[in-house]
């Protein structure tokens, strides 16, 4: 494999597009949002994403959902690549009053519709992926990948301590041995949420991912194999088959 490294501190969106689609792309940026198409191994790929650690508010979630629906309507079966760089859902009183949870759910439902109508959906964490903005977008893809230098987390330990009432010191101890309590792309790989970490030739990585259309959820199995989620697969199987 090409050992060329990528530095996410200097990797901007245009450089990312060029690395993913050296055969050409037509991606338009509008503020924090971008969309368009790229060519991978002779195949047209729809691209949707955000930049600059965008907070996902009601407007942005609605726009992303609308773009997904437009792809389903106008380009049946076209693969969708989600490149969402986000600090999470926008934390504002206005967004809460407008029902940000419903907008996030709407985005997830639109992605489910695309999946159910034959659109392969891939996610790539290329910079930052945090909280609900990540959960309702790239993590909701058929398969989610990440650059090795990307940052992934859902909740930091101080916030987790406030919510769960578990002492911070206890969570810090748990995070040393359990990836469930620790942020970082490697830990999300161990848990199976991230299928693989990409580096070097991103165009080749993308083409290889697109060559397989698998909508089966393998995250529990991957988490068990990698030692990041030791019980999830077993518990799910017992529940599914009614075992005690």
C-alpha atoms as a PDB file:
ATOM      1  CA  UNK A   1       0.000   0.000   0.000  1.00  0.00           C
ATOM      2  CA  UNK A   2       1.095   3.558  -0.656  1.00  0.00           C
ATOM      3  CA  UNK A   3       2.662   4.818   2.565  1.00  0.00           C
ATOM      4  CA  UNK A   4       2.084   8.484   1.796  1.00  0.00           C
ATOM      5  CA  UNK A   5       0.759  10.144   4.923  1.00  0.00           C
ATOM      6  CA  UNK A   6      -2.051  12.651   5.280  1.00  0.00           C
ATOM      7  CA  UNK A   7      -2.031  15.555   7.705  1.00  0.00           C
ATOM      8  CA  UNK A   8      -5.595  16.527   8.566  1.00  0.00           C
ATOM      9  CA  UNK A   9      -4.380  19.863   9.952  1.00  0.00           C
ATOM     10  CA  UNK A  10      -3.534  20.931   6.398  1.00  0.00           C
ATOM     11  CA  UNK A  11      -5.930  18.711   4.428  1.00  0.00           C
ATOM     12  CA  UNK A  12      -8.660  21.005   3.168  1.00  0.00           C
ATOM     13  CA  UNK A  13     -11.818  19.948   1.371  1.00  0.00           C
ATOM     14  CA  UNK A  14     -10.504  20.632  -2.142  1.00  0.00           C
ATOM     15  CA  UNK A  15      -7.401  18.538  -1.507  1.00  0.00           C
ATOM     16  CA  UNK A  16      -9.593  15.765  -0.170  1.00  0.00           C
ATOM     17  CA  UNK A  17     -11.779  15.858  -3.293  1.00  0.00           C
ATOM     18  CA  UNK A  18      -8.717  15.663  -5.541  1.00  0.00           C
ATOM     19  CA  UNK A  19      -7.318  12.691  -3.627  1.00  0.00           C
ATOM     20  CA  UNK A  20     -10.603  10.816  -3.653  1.00  0.00           C
ATOM     21  CA  UNK A  21     -11.479  11.616  -7.275  1.00  0.00           C
ATOM     22  CA  UNK A  22      -8.333  12.087  -9.385  1.00  0.00           C
ATOM     23  CA  UNK A  23     -10.435  11.264 -12.468  1.00  0.00           C
ATOM     24  CA  UNK A  24     -12.501  14.382 -11.858  1.00  0.00           C
ATOM     25  CA  UNK A  25     -15.215  15.854  -9.692  1.00  0.00           C
ATOM     26  CA  UNK A  26     -17.847  18.596  -9.776  1.00  0.00           C
ATOM     27  CA  UNK A  27     -18.489  19.494  -6.160  1.00  0.00           C
ATOM     28  CA  UNK A  28     -19.923  22.876  -5.201  1.00  0.00           C
ATOM     29  CA  UNK A  29     -19.425  24.454  -1.801  1.00  0.00           C
ATOM     30  CA  UNK A  30     -21.977  26.802  -0.252  1.00  0.00           C
ATOM     31  CA  UNK A  31     -20.858  27.997   3.166  1.00  0.00           C
ATOM     32  CA  UNK A  32     -20.411  24.989   5.420  1.00  0.00           C
ATOM     33  CA  UNK A  33     -22.226  22.654   3.004  1.00  0.00           C
ATOM     34  CA  UNK A  34     -21.059  21.017  -0.213  1.00  0.00           C
ATOM     35  CA  UNK A  35     -22.557  18.587  -2.701  1.00  0.00           C
ATOM     36  CA  UNK A  36     -21.926  17.283  -6.186  1.00  0.00           C
ATOM     37  CA  UNK A  37     -20.419  14.278  -7.916  1.00  0.00           C
ATOM     38  CA  UNK A  38     -17.078  12.608  -8.370  1.00  0.00           C
ATOM     39  CA  UNK A  39     -15.808   9.844 -10.630  1.00  0.00           C
ATOM     40  CA  UNK A  40     -14.371   6.729  -8.997  1.00  0.00           C
ATOM     41  CA  UNK A  41     -13.166   3.853 -11.184  1.00  0.00           C
ATOM     42  CA  UNK A  42     -15.413   5.084 -13.999  1.00  0.00           C
ATOM     43  CA  UNK A  43     -18.449   5.312 -11.742  1.00  0.00           C
ATOM     44  CA  UNK A  44     -20.345   8.466 -10.763  1.00  0.00           C
ATOM     45  CA  UNK A  45     -20.592   8.997  -7.004  1.00  0.00           C
ATOM     46  CA  UNK A  46     -22.853  11.518  -5.265  1.00  0.00           C
ATOM     47  CA  UNK A  47     -21.029  13.513  -2.609  1.00  0.00           C
ATOM     48  CA  UNK A  48     -22.634  15.283   0.359  1.00  0.00           C
ATOM     49  CA  UNK A  49     -20.779  16.871   3.234  1.00  0.00           C
ATOM     50  CA  UNK A  50     -19.777  19.712   5.497  1.00  0.00           C
ATOM     51  CA  UNK A  51     -16.564  21.568   6.334  1.00  0.00           C
ATOM     52  CA  UNK A  52     -14.991  23.575   9.125  1.00  0.00           C
ATOM     53  CA  UNK A  53     -16.355  21.367  11.919  1.00  0.00           C
ATOM     54  CA  UNK A  54     -19.865  22.523  11.026  1.00  0.00           C
ATOM     55  CA  UNK A  55     -22.476  22.468  13.794  1.00  0.00           C
ATOM     56  CA  UNK A  56     -25.495  20.646  12.376  1.00  0.00           C
ATOM     57  CA  UNK A  57     -28.534  22.831  12.956  1.00  0.00           C
ATOM     58  CA  UNK A  58     -32.047  22.508  11.604  1.00  0.00           C
ATOM     59  CA  UNK A  59     -31.239  24.265   8.316  1.00  0.00           C
ATOM     60  CA  UNK A  60     -28.161  22.184   7.554  1.00  0.00           C
ATOM     61  CA  UNK A  61     -29.808  18.884   8.512  1.00  0.00           C
ATOM     62  CA  UNK A  62     -32.795  19.742   6.315  1.00  0.00           C
ATOM     63  CA  UNK A  63     -30.550  20.685   3.398  1.00  0.00           C
ATOM     64  CA  UNK A  64     -28.577  17.454   3.649  1.00  0.00           C
ATOM     65  CA  UNK A  65     -31.806  15.460   3.773  1.00  0.00           C
ATOM     66  CA  UNK A  66     -33.125  17.287   0.716  1.00  0.00           C
ATOM     67  CA  UNK A  67     -29.959  16.506  -1.213  1.00  0.00           C
ATOM     68  CA  UNK A  68     -30.341  12.802  -0.377  1.00  0.00           C
ATOM     69  CA  UNK A  69     -33.943  12.847  -1.630  1.00  0.00           C
ATOM     70  CA  UNK A  70     -32.889  14.615  -4.837  1.00  0.00           C
ATOM     71  CA  UNK A  71     -30.316  11.897  -5.511  1.00  0.00           C
ATOM     72  CA  UNK A  72     -32.921   9.183  -4.928  1.00  0.00           C
ATOM     73  CA  UNK A  73     -35.340  10.948  -7.285  1.00  0.00           C
ATOM     74  CA  UNK A  74     -32.941  11.914 -10.072  1.00  0.00           C
ATOM     75  CA  UNK A  75     -30.186   9.270  -9.972  1.00  0.00           C
ATOM     76  CA  UNK A  76     -31.550   5.858  -8.940  1.00  0.00           C
ATOM     77  CA  UNK A  77     -28.909   3.555  -7.505  1.00  0.00           C
ATOM     78  CA  UNK A  78     -26.082   6.108  -7.523  1.00  0.00           C
ATOM     79  CA  UNK A  79     -23.628   5.558  -4.642  1.00  0.00           C
ATOM     80  CA  UNK A  80     -23.615   8.249  -1.972  1.00  0.00           C
ATOM     81  CA  UNK A  81     -20.469   9.329  -0.131  1.00  0.00           C
ATOM     82  CA  UNK A  82     -20.956  11.297   3.108  1.00  0.00           C
ATOM     83  CA  UNK A  83     -17.994  13.507   4.048  1.00  0.00           C
ATOM     84  CA  UNK A  84     -19.358  15.160   7.170  1.00  0.00           C
ATOM     85  CA  UNK A  85     -16.937  17.260   9.211  1.00  0.00           C
ATOM     86  CA  UNK A  86     -18.920  18.271  12.295  1.00  0.00           C
ATOM     87  CA  UNK A  87     -18.628  19.344  15.913  1.00  0.00           C
ATOM     88  CA  UNK A  88     -22.077  17.792  16.474  1.00  0.00           C
ATOM     89  CA  UNK A  89     -25.586  19.149  16.538  1.00  0.00           C
ATOM     90  CA  UNK A  90     -25.875  22.895  17.036  1.00  0.00           C
ATOM     91  CA  UNK A  91     -26.446  23.653  20.709  1.00  0.00           C
ATOM     92  CA  UNK A  92     -28.879  26.530  20.669  1.00  0.00           C
ATOM     93  CA  UNK A  93     -32.226  27.254  22.282  1.00  0.00           C
ATOM     94  CA  UNK A  94     -33.644  28.089  18.865  1.00  0.00           C
ATOM     95  CA  UNK A  95     -32.710  24.700  17.391  1.00  0.00           C
ATOM     96  CA  UNK A  96     -34.173  22.898  20.385  1.00  0.00           C
ATOM     97  CA  UNK A  97     -37.442  24.820  20.052  1.00  0.00           C
ATOM     98  CA  UNK A  98     -37.592  24.042  16.330  1.00  0.00           C
ATOM     99  CA  UNK A  99     -37.087  20.337  17.056  1.00  0.00           C
ATOM    100  CA  UNK A 100     -33.501  19.578  16.045  1.00  0.00           C
ATOM    101  CA  UNK A 101     -34.099  15.954  17.055  1.00  0.00           C
ATOM    102  CA  UNK A 102     -36.836  15.696  14.432  1.00  0.00           C
ATOM    103  CA  UNK A 103     -34.611  17.183  11.737  1.00  0.00           C
ATOM    104  CA  UNK A 104     -31.840  14.730  12.612  1.00  0.00           C
ATOM    105  CA  UNK A 105     -34.354  11.885  12.493  1.00  0.00           C
ATOM    106  CA  UNK A 106     -35.569  13.132   9.116  1.00  0.00           C
ATOM    107  CA  UNK A 107     -32.003  13.039   7.758  1.00  0.00           C
ATOM    108  CA  UNK A 108     -31.546   9.490   9.051  1.00  0.00           C
ATOM    109  CA  UNK A 109     -34.866   8.423   7.507  1.00  0.00           C
ATOM    110  CA  UNK A 110     -33.864   9.876   4.134  1.00  0.00           C
ATOM    111  CA  UNK A 111     -30.622   7.896   4.242  1.00  0.00           C
ATOM    112  CA  UNK A 112     -32.638   4.781   5.135  1.00  0.00           C
ATOM    113  CA  UNK A 113     -34.878   5.441   2.140  1.00  0.00           C
ATOM    114  CA  UNK A 114     -31.843   5.750  -0.123  1.00  0.00           C
ATOM    115  CA  UNK A 115     -30.442   2.490   1.233  1.00  0.00           C
ATOM    116  CA  UNK A 116     -33.755   0.674   0.802  1.00  0.00           C
ATOM    117  CA  UNK A 117     -34.027   1.834  -2.819  1.00  0.00           C
ATOM    118  CA  UNK A 118     -30.597   0.497  -3.785  1.00  0.00           C
ATOM    119  CA  UNK A 119     -28.158   3.353  -3.142  1.00  0.00           C
ATOM    120  CA  UNK A 120     -24.863   2.185  -1.602  1.00  0.00           C
ATOM    121  CA  UNK A 121     -23.996   4.660   1.170  1.00  0.00           C
ATOM    122  CA  UNK A 122     -20.467   5.164   2.483  1.00  0.00           C
ATOM    123  CA  UNK A 123     -19.293   7.515   5.209  1.00  0.00           C
ATOM    124  CA  UNK A 124     -15.778   8.885   5.563  1.00  0.00           C
ATOM    125  CA  UNK A 125     -14.635  10.780   8.642  1.00  0.00           C
ATOM    126  CA  UNK A 126     -11.988  13.041   7.166  1.00  0.00           C
ATOM    127  CA  UNK A 127     -11.544  15.636   9.890  1.00  0.00           C
ATOM    128  CA  UNK A 128     -13.832  15.682  12.911  1.00  0.00           C
ATOM    129  CA  UNK A 129     -16.937  13.694  13.830  1.00  0.00           C
ATOM    130  CA  UNK A 130     -18.721  14.470  17.053  1.00  0.00           C
ATOM    131  CA  UNK A 131     -22.013  13.542  18.686  1.00  0.00           C
ATOM    132  CA  UNK A 132     -25.403  13.645  16.944  1.00  0.00           C
ATOM    133  CA  UNK A 133     -24.095  15.304  13.798  1.00  0.00           C
ATOM    134  CA  UNK A 134     -22.028  12.166  13.231  1.00  0.00           C
ATOM    135  CA  UNK A 135     -24.585   9.628  14.468  1.00  0.00           C
ATOM    136  CA  UNK A 136     -27.299  10.784  12.059  1.00  0.00           C
ATOM    137  CA  UNK A 137     -25.032  11.086   9.022  1.00  0.00           C
ATOM    138  CA  UNK A 138     -21.778   9.224   8.342  1.00  0.00           C
ATOM    139  CA  UNK A 139     -22.321   6.656  11.083  1.00  0.00           C
ATOM    140  CA  UNK A 140     -25.742   5.917   9.568  1.00  0.00           C
ATOM    141  CA  UNK A 141     -24.113   4.864   6.289  1.00  0.00           C
ATOM    142  CA  UNK A 142     -23.897   1.219   5.234  1.00  0.00           C
ATOM    143  CA  UNK A 143     -20.217   1.352   6.156  1.00  0.00           C
ATOM    144  CA  UNK A 144     -18.188   4.111   7.754  1.00  0.00           C
ATOM    145  CA  UNK A 145     -14.466   4.672   7.236  1.00  0.00           C
ATOM    146  CA  UNK A 146     -12.043   7.250   8.618  1.00  0.00           C
ATOM    147  CA  UNK A 147      -8.692   8.775   7.861  1.00  0.00           C
ATOM    148  CA  UNK A 148      -6.123   7.657  10.415  1.00  0.00           C
ATOM    149  CA  UNK A 149      -5.613  11.217  11.615  1.00  0.00           C
ATOM    150  CA  UNK A 150      -9.326  12.018  11.996  1.00  0.00           C
ATOM    151  CA  UNK A 151     -10.944  12.819  15.327  1.00  0.00           C
ATOM    152  CA  UNK A 152     -14.013  10.886  16.462  1.00  0.00           C
ATOM    153  CA  UNK A 153     -15.943  11.188  19.697  1.00  0.00           C
ATOM    154  CA  UNK A 154     -19.541  11.263  20.863  1.00  0.00           C
ATOM    155  CA  UNK A 155     -19.184  12.626  24.385  1.00  0.00           C
ATOM    156  CA  UNK A 156     -16.070  13.635  26.309  1.00  0.00           C
ATOM    157  CA  UNK A 157     -15.480  12.143  29.728  1.00  0.00           C
ATOM    158  CA  UNK A 158     -16.370  15.242  31.811  1.00  0.00           C
ATOM    159  CA  UNK A 159     -19.731  15.501  30.012  1.00  0.00           C
ATOM    160  CA  UNK A 160     -20.269  11.750  30.388  1.00  0.00           C
ATOM    161  CA  UNK A 161     -19.576  12.078  34.087  1.00  0.00           C
ATOM    162  CA  UNK A 162     -22.175  14.846  34.447  1.00  0.00           C
ATOM    163  CA  UNK A 163     -24.816  12.831  32.581  1.00  0.00           C
ATOM    164  CA  UNK A 164     -24.205   9.406  34.136  1.00  0.00           C
ATOM    165  CA  UNK A 165     -23.193  10.661  37.623  1.00  0.00           C
ATOM    166  CA  UNK A 166     -20.210   8.311  37.455  1.00  0.00           C
ATOM    167  CA  UNK A 167     -17.124  10.004  38.962  1.00  0.00           C
ATOM    168  CA  UNK A 168     -14.735  11.344  36.344  1.00  0.00           C
ATOM    169  CA  UNK A 169     -11.834   9.453  37.902  1.00  0.00           C
ATOM    170  CA  UNK A 170     -13.747   6.172  37.471  1.00  0.00           C
ATOM    171  CA  UNK A 171     -14.470   6.936  33.815  1.00  0.00           C
ATOM    172  CA  UNK A 172     -10.828   7.827  33.220  1.00  0.00           C
ATOM    173  CA  UNK A 173      -9.797   4.449  34.662  1.00  0.00           C
ATOM    174  CA  UNK A 174     -12.381   2.630  32.512  1.00  0.00           C
ATOM    175  CA  UNK A 175     -11.242   4.443  29.370  1.00  0.00           C
ATOM    176  CA  UNK A 176      -7.763   2.968  29.756  1.00  0.00           C
ATOM    177  CA  UNK A 177      -9.061  -0.552  29.161  1.00  0.00           C
ATOM    178  CA  UNK A 178     -12.414  -0.144  27.399  1.00  0.00           C
ATOM    179  CA  UNK A 179     -12.760   1.716  24.073  1.00  0.00           C
ATOM    180  CA  UNK A 180     -16.455   2.279  24.828  1.00  0.00           C
ATOM    181  CA  UNK A 181     -15.437   4.992  27.301  1.00  0.00           C
ATOM    182  CA  UNK A 182     -12.608   6.498  25.286  1.00  0.00           C
ATOM    183  CA  UNK A 183     -12.654   8.917  22.350  1.00  0.00           C
ATOM    184  CA  UNK A 184     -10.396   8.511  19.323  1.00  0.00           C
ATOM    185  CA  UNK A 185     -10.619   6.974  15.881  1.00  0.00           C
ATOM    186  CA  UNK A 186      -8.679   3.859  16.934  1.00  0.00           C
ATOM    187  CA  UNK A 187     -11.217   3.123  19.658  1.00  0.00           C
ATOM    188  CA  UNK A 188     -14.118   3.488  17.235  1.00  0.00           C
ATOM    189  CA  UNK A 189     -12.300   1.084  14.912  1.00  0.00           C
ATOM    190  CA  UNK A 190     -11.966  -1.396  17.803  1.00  0.00           C
ATOM    191  CA  UNK A 191     -15.679  -1.099  18.561  1.00  0.00           C
ATOM    192  CA  UNK A 192     -16.496  -1.844  14.919  1.00  0.00           C
ATOM    193  CA  UNK A 193     -18.165   1.504  14.221  1.00  0.00           C
ATOM    194  CA  UNK A 194     -15.355   2.374  11.814  1.00  0.00           C
ATOM    195  CA  UNK A 195     -14.819  -0.412   9.294  1.00  0.00           C
ATOM    196  CA  UNK A 196     -11.309   0.566   8.271  1.00  0.00           C
ATOM    197  CA  UNK A 197      -8.794   3.399   8.540  1.00  0.00           C
ATOM    198  CA  UNK A 198      -7.624   4.933   5.275  1.00  0.00           C
ATOM    199  CA  UNK A 199      -4.283   6.484   4.385  1.00  0.00           C
ATOM    200  CA  UNK A 200      -2.182   6.918   1.282  1.00  0.00           C
ATOM    201  CA  UNK A 201      -4.064   6.335  -1.958  1.00  0.00           C
ATOM    202  CA  UNK A 202      -7.569   7.466  -1.054  1.00  0.00           C
ATOM    203  CA  UNK A 203      -8.875   6.951  -4.593  1.00  0.00           C
ATOM    204  CA  UNK A 204      -7.928   3.283  -4.415  1.00  0.00           C
ATOM    205  CA  UNK A 205      -9.478   2.921  -0.959  1.00  0.00           C
ATOM    206  CA  UNK A 206     -12.734   4.460  -2.183  1.00  0.00           C
ATOM    207  CA  UNK A 207     -12.864   2.324  -5.327  1.00  0.00           C
ATOM    208  CA  UNK A 208     -12.317  -0.808  -3.243  1.00  0.00           C
ATOM    209  CA  UNK A 209     -15.086   0.171  -0.816  1.00  0.00           C
ATOM    210  CA  UNK A 210     -17.496   0.866  -3.673  1.00  0.00           C
ATOM    211  CA  UNK A 211     -16.747  -2.489  -5.276  1.00  0.00           C
ATOM    212  CA  UNK A 212     -18.618  -4.195  -2.438  1.00  0.00           C
ATOM    213  CA  UNK A 213     -22.277  -3.384  -1.800  1.00  0.00           C
ATOM    214  CA  UNK A 214     -23.037  -4.891   1.591  1.00  0.00           C
ATOM    215  CA  UNK A 215     -25.904  -3.444   3.629  1.00  0.00           C
ATOM    216  CA  UNK A 216     -25.682  -6.031   6.422  1.00  0.00           C
ATOM    217  CA  UNK A 217     -24.765  -4.454   9.755  1.00  0.00           C
ATOM    218  CA  UNK A 218     -21.458  -6.049  10.754  1.00  0.00           C
ATOM    219  CA  UNK A 219     -20.547  -3.623  13.552  1.00  0.00           C
ATOM    220  CA  UNK A 220     -21.295  -5.988  16.436  1.00  0.00           C
ATOM    221  CA  UNK A 221     -19.298  -8.784  14.785  1.00  0.00           C
ATOM    222  CA  UNK A 222     -16.351  -6.475  14.059  1.00  0.00           C
ATOM    223  CA  UNK A 223     -16.459  -5.157  17.619  1.00  0.00           C
ATOM    224  CA  UNK A 224     -16.298  -8.694  18.984  1.00  0.00           C
ATOM    225  CA  UNK A 225     -13.433  -9.671  16.669  1.00  0.00           C
ATOM    226  CA  UNK A 226     -11.410  -6.575  17.580  1.00  0.00           C
ATOM    227  CA  UNK A 227     -12.079  -6.810  21.305  1.00  0.00           C
ATOM    228  CA  UNK A 228     -13.826  -3.455  21.504  1.00  0.00           C
ATOM    229  CA  UNK A 229     -17.362  -4.703  22.205  1.00  0.00           C
ATOM    230  CA  UNK A 230     -17.131  -8.134  23.734  1.00  0.00           C
ATOM    231  CA  UNK A 231     -20.778  -8.739  24.636  1.00  0.00           C
ATOM    232  CA  UNK A 232     -22.911  -6.880  22.085  1.00  0.00           C
ATOM    233  CA  UNK A 233     -22.968  -9.664  19.486  1.00  0.00           C
ATOM    234  CA  UNK A 234     -23.688 -12.406  22.014  1.00  0.00           C
ATOM    235  CA  UNK A 235     -26.447 -10.444  23.757  1.00  0.00           C
ATOM    236  CA  UNK A 236     -28.083  -9.511  20.440  1.00  0.00           C
ATOM    237  CA  UNK A 237     -28.070 -13.142  19.310  1.00  0.00           C
ATOM    238  CA  UNK A 238     -29.589 -14.301  22.595  1.00  0.00           C
ATOM    239  CA  UNK A 239     -32.338 -11.686  22.360  1.00  0.00           C
ATOM    240  CA  UNK A 240     -33.000 -12.542  18.702  1.00  0.00           C
ATOM    241  CA  UNK A 241     -33.358 -16.254  19.403  1.00  0.00           C
ATOM    242  CA  UNK A 242     -35.085 -15.954  22.777  1.00  0.00           C
ATOM    243  CA  UNK A 243     -32.247 -17.546  24.730  1.00  0.00           C
ATOM    244  CA  UNK A 244     -32.109 -16.985  28.506  1.00  0.00           C
END
